[in-house]
Amino acid sequence: MVVLTVNGRLQEFPGDDLTISSVVASIGIVSKGLIAEVNGQLFRADDFNSTRVSTGDRVELIQFMGGGG
């Protein structure tokens, strides 16, 4: 089990080998327009499958939305 702080909330995830992509899928967020910050380092969606996270990591998921005028 991996324990992460995701968007300020402590959450547990099954397994030992976790990527940003698997965290996003577990939470149910669409990765389009999403970036992740892991322990202060930014990652684009293209990097989610190859970026591993471990117990104790702090993950912030930020969804960009279009709009404006």
C-alpha atoms as a PDB file:
ATOM      1  CA  MET A   1       0.000   0.000   0.000  1.00  0.00           C
ATOM      2  CA  VAL A   2       1.168   3.522  -0.842  1.00  0.00           C
ATOM      3  CA  VAL A   3       0.119   6.483   1.312  1.00  0.00           C
ATOM      4  CA  LEU A   4       0.210   9.873  -0.395  1.00  0.00           C
ATOM      5  CA  THR A   5      -0.977  13.368   0.348  1.00  0.00           C
ATOM      6  CA  VAL A   6      -3.090  14.265  -2.702  1.00  0.00           C
ATOM      7  CA  ASN A   7      -4.376  17.833  -2.945  1.00  0.00           C
ATOM      8  CA  GLY A   8      -3.833  18.229   0.792  1.00  0.00           C
ATOM      9  CA  ARG A   9      -5.629  15.009   1.816  1.00  0.00           C
ATOM     10  CA  LEU A  10      -3.972  11.827   3.046  1.00  0.00           C
ATOM     11  CA  GLN A  11      -5.013   8.924   0.788  1.00  0.00           C
ATOM     12  CA  GLU A  12      -4.106   5.237   0.555  1.00  0.00           C
ATOM     13  CA  PHE A  13      -3.612   3.398  -2.740  1.00  0.00           C
ATOM     14  CA  PRO A  14      -3.263  -0.373  -3.225  1.00  0.00           C
ATOM     15  CA  GLY A  15      -0.051  -1.893  -4.523  1.00  0.00           C
ATOM     16  CA  ASP A  16       3.592  -0.949  -4.263  1.00  0.00           C
ATOM     17  CA  ASP A  17       4.409   0.335  -7.760  1.00  0.00           C
ATOM     18  CA  LEU A  18       2.386   3.504  -8.327  1.00  0.00           C
ATOM     19  CA  THR A  19       2.623   6.141 -11.057  1.00  0.00           C
ATOM     20  CA  ILE A  20       0.949   9.519 -11.354  1.00  0.00           C
ATOM     21  CA  SER A  21      -1.236   7.926 -14.028  1.00  0.00           C
ATOM     22  CA  SER A  22      -2.512   5.259 -11.646  1.00  0.00           C
ATOM     23  CA  VAL A  23      -3.227   7.884  -8.960  1.00  0.00           C
ATOM     24  CA  VAL A  24      -5.219   9.954 -11.469  1.00  0.00           C
ATOM     25  CA  ALA A  25      -7.163   6.859 -12.588  1.00  0.00           C
ATOM     26  CA  SER A  26      -7.904   5.831  -8.986  1.00  0.00           C
ATOM     27  CA  ILE A  27      -9.284   9.256  -8.183  1.00  0.00           C
ATOM     28  CA  GLY A  28     -11.311   9.375 -11.398  1.00  0.00           C
ATOM     29  CA  ILE A  29      -9.908  12.590 -12.846  1.00  0.00           C
ATOM     30  CA  VAL A  30      -9.553  13.026 -16.616  1.00  0.00           C
ATOM     31  CA  SER A  31      -5.896  13.672 -17.443  1.00  0.00           C
ATOM     32  CA  LYS A  32      -6.619  16.071 -20.332  1.00  0.00           C
ATOM     33  CA  GLY A  33      -5.510  19.538 -19.256  1.00  0.00           C
ATOM     34  CA  LEU A  34      -4.043  18.144 -16.043  1.00  0.00           C
ATOM     35  CA  ILE A  35      -0.606  18.741 -14.579  1.00  0.00           C
ATOM     36  CA  ALA A  36       0.824  17.206 -11.444  1.00  0.00           C
ATOM     37  CA  GLU A  37       3.212  18.551  -8.875  1.00  0.00           C
ATOM     38  CA  VAL A  38       5.064  15.871  -6.920  1.00  0.00           C
ATOM     39  CA  ASN A  39       7.172  17.114  -4.028  1.00  0.00           C
ATOM     40  CA  GLY A  40       7.510  20.508  -5.737  1.00  0.00           C
ATOM     41  CA  GLN A  41       8.379  19.194  -9.217  1.00  0.00           C
ATOM     42  CA  LEU A  42       5.917  19.727 -12.102  1.00  0.00           C
ATOM     43  CA  PHE A  43       4.941  16.966 -14.548  1.00  0.00           C
ATOM     44  CA  ARG A  44       2.861  17.149 -17.730  1.00  0.00           C
ATOM     45  CA  ALA A  45       0.352  14.435 -18.606  1.00  0.00           C
ATOM     46  CA  ASP A  46       2.882  12.983 -21.084  1.00  0.00           C
ATOM     47  CA  ASP A  47       5.054  12.027 -18.098  1.00  0.00           C
ATOM     48  CA  PHE A  48       2.333  10.503 -15.891  1.00  0.00           C
ATOM     49  CA  ASN A  49       2.898   6.876 -17.008  1.00  0.00           C
ATOM     50  CA  SER A  50       6.632   6.973 -16.336  1.00  0.00           C
ATOM     51  CA  THR A  51       6.676   9.013 -13.113  1.00  0.00           C
ATOM     52  CA  ARG A  52       6.611   6.911  -9.950  1.00  0.00           C
ATOM     53  CA  VAL A  53       5.303   8.052  -6.585  1.00  0.00           C
ATOM     54  CA  SER A  54       6.092   6.569  -3.181  1.00  0.00           C
ATOM     55  CA  THR A  55       4.695   6.608   0.328  1.00  0.00           C
ATOM     56  CA  GLY A  56       5.065  10.047   1.861  1.00  0.00           C
ATOM     57  CA  ASP A  57       5.034  11.948  -1.440  1.00  0.00           C
ATOM     58  CA  ARG A  58       2.939  15.110  -1.759  1.00  0.00           C
ATOM     59  CA  VAL A  59       0.951  15.211  -4.994  1.00  0.00           C
ATOM     60  CA  GLU A  60      -1.021  18.192  -6.242  1.00  0.00           C
ATOM     61  CA  LEU A  61      -3.242  17.639  -9.278  1.00  0.00           C
ATOM     62  CA  ILE A  62      -4.144  20.823 -11.136  1.00  0.00           C
ATOM     63  CA  GLN A  63      -6.814  20.858 -13.866  1.00  0.00           C
ATOM     64  CA  PHE A  64      -6.642  23.679 -16.399  1.00  0.00           C
ATOM     65  CA  MET A  65      -9.921  24.843 -17.849  1.00  0.00           C
ATOM     66  CA  GLY A  66     -10.540  26.841 -20.999  1.00  0.00           C
ATOM     67  CA  GLY A  67     -12.639  29.910 -21.135  1.00  0.00           C
ATOM     68  CA  GLY A  68     -12.335  33.576 -20.634  1.00  0.00           C
ATOM     69  CA  GLY A  69     -13.157  36.316 -22.928  1.00  0.00           C
END
